[in-house]
Structures are given as C-alpha cells and as structure tokens.
Amino acid sequence: MKRHVLILGGTGEALALARLFAAQRPDLAVTTSLAGATSAPVLPPGKLRSGGFGGAEGLSDWLRDEAVAALIDATHPFAATMAGHAAEAAAATGVPRLKLVRAMWPRRDGDRWISVADAPAAASALATLSARRVFLTLGARDLGAFAGLPGVTFTVRMIEAPETPLPLARADLILARGPFGEDDERALMTGRRIDAVVAKASGGEATRGKIDAARGLGLPVVMIARPPLPAGETAADASEALDWIARVLPQ
C-alpha cells in the first residue's frame, strides 16, 4: 500500500511539488487540497480535495482517517490561519509537517518600500502619500480597509471577480492570472498613471514583476508584512520539499 502525502496547495509551489512527486516519487499516494477560492484552478497531478477541513480538529481527523504519513503546507505566505491549523493538526496526530516558504523579494537600490503590518495600516500609509491612482494587488477581503480614502482611483487585480461589488467608490477591476512580467506591469502602471502600489510581501517569481516595475518607475510600494509562521521545519521551494520527503519517507 502506498504511503499517503497531503499537500495543502493553491500556490505555484504546491503545483510544482505535486508534479515533482508524480515524476520522481510514484511510490507515494499524493493528495493536493485546495481551498476552493478559485473556480477554475490549474489542477495538479494525483488526487484532489477541495474545500475546508473544519479547523485544526477537522484536519486532524482527516489525517487519521486517510492514514497520512506526511503533511506539506504549501499554502500562500499569508494563509496564516491554515498554517496554524496545519501545525496544530500535525502535533496532535504525530504526522511530520513541512512548511514551504517561498523566498521574500530582496530590497534593492531604488526601492521605495513602506513596510506596514496589515491592510488598515496600508490605507493609512497611502493617506500620508497623497496618492491619487493606486494599484492594489490584494484579495477581496482586504479591500474594505481602503474604502474611506477620498479622491483615490484604484486599479484592482484579481484572478476572478468577487461575489459582491468592490467596496471602493472609484475602482477599475482587472481579471488576470499570473505570472506577470516586468514589462507588462510597467505598461499597466504608466497607462493608468499609477502613483503608488500596495502589495503583500508574498515573494516568489510569479508577481515580482510589479515590484521591479515600481522600482524602475520610482513609485512607492506600500508593502504588507507577512504574518508570523508557526514553529517547525521549512523549505524554500519544491526541490527542497522533495529532499525533506526523501528523509521522512525514504524509498
């Protein structure tokens, strides 16, 4: 019987990892779990699970019921609740857990970053900048923090349209799926006369283009810091995660 590995996915790293497992560890049964936030995700090889588990307790039950031998949390760096649940469930069941943490963008000469803790702090920072055309690359649940900024026109980019109208008085919605290159991001910012960018410190290559474009244009970037991670082993990419599996579940 194949040993069972659960990947908490929804990111490019999770997709790359599932593909690596399919190619290099066919001795393992791999299930990728998606939150179900996107209606048409790029599907990984192996088994697929969609939807929540019901908190740490529900995930613990699932790990036991499915005889999971190893858990890899490859969710988004800002999926703090899921990361916490994964850590709790792994501790409760004794299942080895790895957190895949993509590298943060390095600060370079010319970057005009304003580091803030969360979306409300980002809105406050924008007010001090007197920005009038702002590029927002945040999830729908964060947009309400910017509703009280008068006289600002927002360009908002999402993978798909939210179920409810944007809570912003003046906003243009762009629907697009990354990766986004620097040249395309520069064209978007200049075409829309953007004078400030708000981004999460997600890191990785898929959305780095906006950071590079903002640097080249001399635009300030209000950067929302990552939430803290639960203690435990980490890997920087899918290759390192595969090495971890080789130690935990050797062939």
Protein backbone atom coordinates (compact mmCIF):
# COMPACT_ATOMS: atom_id res chain seq x y z
CA MET A 1 0.00 0.00 0.00
CA LYS A 2 1.36 3.41 -0.95
CA ARG A 3 2.15 5.86 1.82
CA HIS A 4 -0.09 8.93 1.71
CA VAL A 5 1.19 12.52 1.48
CA LEU A 6 -1.09 15.55 1.82
CA ILE A 7 -0.12 18.84 0.16
CA LEU A 8 -2.03 21.91 1.28
CA GLY A 9 -1.96 23.75 -2.02
CA GLY A 10 -3.31 26.62 -4.05
CA THR A 11 0.10 28.04 -5.00
CA GLY A 12 2.55 27.61 -7.85
CA GLU A 13 4.93 25.90 -5.43
CA ALA A 14 2.29 23.33 -4.49
CA LEU A 15 1.62 22.62 -8.17
CA ALA A 16 5.35 22.23 -8.88
CA LEU A 17 5.69 19.91 -5.89
CA ALA A 18 2.80 17.69 -6.98
CA ARG A 19 4.38 17.42 -10.42
CA LEU A 20 7.75 16.50 -8.88
CA PHE A 21 6.11 13.80 -6.79
CA ALA A 22 4.37 12.37 -9.86
CA ALA A 23 7.65 12.26 -11.76
CA GLN A 24 10.07 11.20 -9.03
CA ARG A 25 8.08 9.54 -6.22
CA PRO A 26 5.46 7.29 -7.83
CA ASP A 27 5.72 5.11 -4.72
CA LEU A 28 3.68 7.72 -2.82
CA ALA A 29 -0.04 8.49 -3.00
CA VAL A 30 -0.31 12.28 -3.11
CA THR A 31 -3.41 14.33 -2.41
CA THR A 32 -3.43 18.10 -3.01
CA SER A 33 -6.01 20.07 -1.06
CA LEU A 34 -7.35 23.34 -2.49
CA ALA A 35 -9.37 25.85 -0.51
CA GLY A 36 -11.86 26.24 -3.35
CA ALA A 37 -11.49 30.02 -3.51
CA THR A 38 -10.87 29.93 -7.28
CA SER A 39 -13.44 28.31 -9.55
CA ALA A 40 -11.02 27.18 -12.27
CA PRO A 41 -7.63 26.43 -10.68
CA VAL A 42 -4.76 24.78 -12.52
CA LEU A 43 -5.10 21.18 -11.37
CA PRO A 44 -2.12 19.18 -10.11
CA PRO A 45 -1.50 15.50 -10.82
CA GLY A 46 -2.60 13.00 -8.20
CA LYS A 47 -5.71 13.08 -6.07
CA LEU A 48 -7.52 16.35 -5.44
CA ARG A 49 -9.52 17.59 -2.48
CA SER A 50 -11.43 20.87 -2.43
CA GLY A 51 -12.83 22.86 0.47
CA GLY A 52 -12.02 23.38 4.13
CA PHE A 53 -11.37 20.72 6.75
CA GLY A 54 -13.25 22.29 9.64
CA GLY A 55 -10.32 23.79 11.52
CA ALA A 56 -7.42 22.02 13.18
CA GLU A 57 -9.65 19.34 14.67
CA GLY A 58 -11.21 18.53 11.30
CA LEU A 59 -7.80 18.36 9.66
CA SER A 60 -6.57 16.08 12.46
CA ASP A 61 -9.49 13.73 11.82
CA TRP A 62 -8.76 13.74 8.08
CA LEU A 63 -5.09 12.94 8.63
CA ARG A 64 -6.04 9.97 10.80
CA ASP A 65 -8.87 8.73 8.59
CA GLU A 66 -6.71 8.91 5.45
CA ALA A 67 -3.62 7.46 7.15
CA VAL A 68 -1.49 10.42 6.05
CA ALA A 69 2.22 9.78 6.53
CA ALA A 70 3.48 13.32 5.83
CA LEU A 71 1.97 16.78 5.51
CA ILE A 72 3.39 19.62 3.41
CA ASP A 73 1.86 23.05 3.89
CA ALA A 74 2.46 24.85 0.59
CA THR A 75 -0.28 27.44 1.04
CA HIS A 76 0.19 31.16 0.40
CA PRO A 77 2.52 33.01 2.79
CA PHE A 78 -0.48 34.99 4.05
CA ALA A 79 -2.65 31.92 4.74
CA ALA A 80 -1.85 32.25 8.44
CA THR A 81 -4.97 30.52 9.72
CA MET A 82 -4.39 27.44 7.58
CA ALA A 83 -0.72 27.33 8.58
CA GLY A 84 -1.74 27.39 12.23
CA HIS A 85 -4.30 24.63 11.74
CA ALA A 86 -1.72 22.51 9.91
CA ALA A 87 0.76 22.90 12.76
CA GLU A 88 -1.85 22.02 15.39
CA ALA A 89 -3.13 19.01 13.45
CA ALA A 90 0.36 17.67 12.81
CA ALA A 91 1.23 17.99 16.50
CA ALA A 92 -2.00 16.27 17.54
CA THR A 93 -1.54 13.33 15.18
CA GLY A 94 2.23 12.97 15.13
CA VAL A 95 2.32 13.42 11.35
CA PRO A 96 5.59 15.00 10.12
CA ARG A 97 4.92 18.51 8.78
CA LEU A 98 6.89 20.80 6.48
CA LYS A 99 6.06 24.42 5.68
CA LEU A 100 7.12 25.50 2.20
CA VAL A 101 8.11 29.18 2.49
CA ARG A 102 8.98 30.97 -0.72
CA ALA A 103 11.83 33.46 -0.60
CA MET A 104 10.94 37.08 0.06
CA TRP A 105 11.81 39.72 -2.53
CA PRO A 106 15.16 41.32 -1.62
CA ARG A 107 15.17 45.06 -1.15
CA ARG A 108 17.27 46.66 -3.90
CA ASP A 109 18.65 50.10 -4.69
CA GLY A 110 15.80 52.31 -5.85
CA ASP A 111 13.06 50.51 -3.91
CA ARG A 112 10.73 52.89 -2.10
CA TRP A 113 9.06 50.44 0.25
CA ILE A 114 6.88 51.46 3.14
CA SER A 115 6.53 48.44 5.41
CA VAL A 116 3.21 48.06 7.24
CA ALA A 117 1.57 45.35 9.32
CA ASP A 118 -1.80 44.97 7.61
CA ALA A 119 -4.34 46.44 5.17
CA PRO A 120 -5.64 49.20 7.52
CA ALA A 121 -2.05 50.33 8.08
CA ALA A 122 -1.52 50.30 4.31
CA ALA A 123 -4.53 52.59 3.88
CA SER A 124 -3.11 54.97 6.47
CA ALA A 125 0.22 54.99 4.65
CA LEU A 126 -1.50 55.85 1.37
CA ALA A 127 -3.19 58.81 3.02
CA THR A 128 0.21 60.23 4.02
CA LEU A 129 1.46 59.79 0.44
CA SER A 130 -1.48 61.76 -1.00
CA ALA A 131 -1.67 59.09 -3.74
CA ARG A 132 -4.44 59.56 -6.28
CA ARG A 133 -4.09 56.49 -8.53
CA VAL A 134 -3.24 53.32 -6.67
CA PHE A 135 -2.58 49.80 -7.90
CA LEU A 136 -4.00 47.28 -5.39
CA THR A 137 -3.00 43.64 -5.69
CA LEU A 138 -4.80 42.26 -2.64
CA GLY A 139 -7.58 39.78 -2.03
CA ALA A 140 -11.21 40.86 -1.85
CA ARG A 141 -11.37 40.58 1.94
CA ASP A 142 -8.68 43.29 2.33
CA LEU A 143 -10.27 45.93 0.13
CA GLY A 144 -12.67 47.32 2.70
CA ALA A 145 -9.77 48.93 4.55
CA PHE A 146 -9.33 51.36 1.64
CA ALA A 147 -12.99 52.37 1.31
CA GLY A 148 -12.54 55.51 3.41
CA LEU A 149 -9.85 57.11 1.25
CA PRO A 150 -11.40 60.05 -0.61
CA GLY A 151 -10.33 61.07 -4.08
CA VAL A 152 -8.39 57.88 -4.86
CA THR A 153 -8.92 55.84 -8.02
CA PHE A 154 -7.91 52.22 -7.54
CA THR A 155 -6.83 49.66 -10.08
CA VAL A 156 -7.62 46.28 -8.53
CA ARG A 157 -6.37 43.00 -10.00
CA MET A 158 -7.83 39.61 -9.14
CA ILE A 159 -7.92 36.16 -10.70
CA GLU A 160 -11.71 36.25 -10.90
CA ALA A 161 -14.48 38.67 -10.00
CA PRO A 162 -15.62 38.69 -6.36
CA GLU A 163 -19.16 37.66 -5.50
CA THR A 164 -20.02 41.14 -4.17
CA PRO A 165 -19.24 44.58 -5.63
CA LEU A 166 -15.91 46.16 -4.72
CA PRO A 167 -16.25 48.31 -1.57
CA LEU A 168 -14.43 51.19 -3.27
CA ALA A 169 -16.05 54.33 -4.63
CA ARG A 170 -13.73 54.57 -7.66
CA ALA A 171 -12.11 51.38 -8.87
CA ASP A 172 -11.31 49.54 -12.08
CA LEU A 173 -11.19 45.76 -11.81
CA ILE A 174 -8.72 43.75 -13.90
CA LEU A 175 -9.18 39.98 -14.10
CA ALA A 176 -5.92 38.18 -14.87
CA ARG A 177 -3.88 35.21 -13.74
CA GLY A 178 -0.10 35.49 -13.30
CA PRO A 179 2.75 35.28 -13.79
CA PHE A 180 3.12 38.96 -14.68
CA GLY A 181 6.33 40.20 -16.30
CA GLU A 182 8.05 43.47 -15.51
CA ASP A 183 7.41 44.98 -18.96
CA ASP A 184 3.68 44.28 -18.78
CA GLU A 185 3.48 45.67 -15.26
CA ARG A 186 5.30 48.82 -16.28
CA ALA A 187 2.90 49.29 -19.19
CA LEU A 188 -0.07 48.87 -16.86
CA MET A 189 1.26 51.38 -14.34
CA THR A 190 2.18 54.01 -16.89
CA GLY A 191 -1.02 53.54 -18.86
CA ARG A 192 -3.14 54.04 -15.76
CA ARG A 193 -0.89 56.76 -14.33
CA ILE A 194 -0.35 54.82 -11.11
CA ASP A 195 1.44 56.80 -8.41
CA ALA A 196 1.56 54.15 -5.64
CA VAL A 197 1.36 50.38 -5.34
CA VAL A 198 0.01 48.30 -2.46
CA ALA A 199 1.26 44.71 -2.31
CA LYS A 200 1.64 41.86 0.12
CA ALA A 201 5.19 40.67 0.79
CA SER A 202 4.39 37.38 -0.92
CA GLY A 203 7.75 36.85 -2.57
CA GLY A 204 8.34 34.42 -5.42
CA GLU A 205 8.69 34.96 -9.13
CA ALA A 206 5.09 34.99 -10.36
CA THR A 207 4.29 38.51 -9.11
CA ARG A 208 7.75 40.02 -8.77
CA GLY A 209 7.25 41.99 -11.99
CA LYS A 210 5.16 44.64 -10.25
CA ILE A 211 7.91 45.20 -7.67
CA ASP A 212 10.57 45.54 -10.37
CA ALA A 213 8.35 47.84 -12.43
CA ALA A 214 7.60 50.08 -9.45
CA ARG A 215 11.32 50.36 -8.72
CA GLY A 216 12.07 51.33 -12.31
CA LEU A 217 9.33 53.95 -12.28
CA GLY A 218 10.35 55.32 -8.88
CA LEU A 219 6.94 54.53 -7.34
CA PRO A 220 6.40 53.94 -3.63
CA VAL A 221 5.26 50.43 -2.68
CA VAL A 222 3.27 50.02 0.50
CA MET A 223 4.36 46.52 1.50
CA ILE A 224 2.22 44.49 3.89
CA ALA A 225 4.43 42.25 6.01
CA ARG A 226 3.96 38.52 6.19
CA PRO A 227 2.27 37.06 9.25
CA PRO A 228 4.49 35.01 11.58
CA LEU A 229 4.87 31.29 10.93
CA PRO A 230 4.30 28.52 13.43
CA ALA A 231 7.48 26.79 14.55
CA GLY A 232 8.64 23.83 12.51
CA GLU A 233 10.72 22.68 9.57
CA THR A 234 10.65 24.77 6.40
CA ALA A 235 11.75 24.51 2.78
CA ALA A 236 12.30 27.29 0.26
CA ASP A 237 11.00 25.51 -2.83
CA ALA A 238 9.58 22.29 -4.24
CA SER A 239 13.02 20.74 -4.70
CA GLU A 240 13.89 21.22 -1.03
CA ALA A 241 10.50 19.81 -0.06
CA LEU A 242 11.23 16.71 -2.14
CA ASP A 243 14.53 16.32 -0.29
CA TRP A 244 12.63 16.51 3.01
CA ILE A 245 10.26 13.77 1.88
CA ALA A 246 13.26 11.62 0.98
CA ARG A 247 14.37 11.86 4.61
CA VAL A 248 10.93 11.40 6.17
CA LEU A 249 9.64 8.74 3.75
CA PRO A 250 12.66 7.13 2.11
CA GLN A 251 12.08 4.86 -0.86
